């Protein structure tokens, strides 16, 4: 079985492979707190990652190598993740009599009953949660299954960049891990985290720190970037940089960016309508916006006005110490884009089980 859960070890580089960019982040323990020690964001061509699938591992590897040089990260151990939509999860109940290889074989037998692919095409991993409540003769097992190609292409990209992929995580678990750094002093509640990527809008709803709803819809920053490129002749990578750094011209801001921000708000509202129509009675207390599109000026106010819920730009680094070599002004701008990369890197600081 592949390591979709893995062991815990300090010093992992979080590598978030998105449709338009690779984001790297490294965190370390700093006294009783946590320090962001390095990060970088490197653009990718549109053909490198399509629909969440790594199509050109060599191109992604080049971007990771560039990101390592920019960030100055020294570790060779890395963690990346696959989209939640690419993963099947299942809670199993298996006798405590099964241990070691016998347990692994029993998990494979159970998996064969519900995974819709041949098992030799699937990457499987599992975690023993603990004795089943009310029946200590059974262990509760969390099983995660993913198409092997989805995992292998990411591992190949990291390996080619000179990194050792310690674990392939799942975006859902990454969001659960980073949520306390978004909430910090807030009271436990039901919150939405909207990841506004280049090609996909993903809504995660979390209650008491656990994801209770996840949905992706096809909409993202590529629509804006491509329109600007077509009308003004600016390369897409430069467009994305200008949007993130808020260096876009006033004309483009007025003609294209602000109408797109309104479209983003409508799409977020649509995502929330699907959530509420799913039967959930948990009203959202707050919504956080992350991803590259979250850098659009005043987007939090525009979305908040549309959905009628307090809306904030996600900053996973606000409660952390920041290494002196990192430009704090630039980090403030880049922080919403780093949410998943930071969430991955935080895993290396989890205590040994």
Foldseek 3Di string as FASTA:
>chain_A
DDFQPFFFAAQAWQWEDAQFWIKTWAWDDDPPFIETQWIDIFTAPNPQADPQAGPDLQRLLVRVLVGCVVGVRDAQEYEYAGEPVQKDKDKDKAFPVQDDPRVVVVVVVVCVVPPPDDVVQKDKDKDFPAADVPGNRITIMMMMIGGPNRVVSNQSSSVSNRHHYRHYYYLQLLCLQLVCLQQVPHDFAWEWEWAAEAFKTKIFIDGSSHTPDIDIDGDHVVVLLVVCCVVPVDDSVVVLVCLLVVVDDPVCCVPGVVVVLLVVLVVVLVVVVVVVVVPDPGDHQEYEYAYSNLLHPPSQVSNCVSNVHRYYYGASCPPHHYDPVDDPVSSVSCRRNCSSSVSRNCSSVDDGD
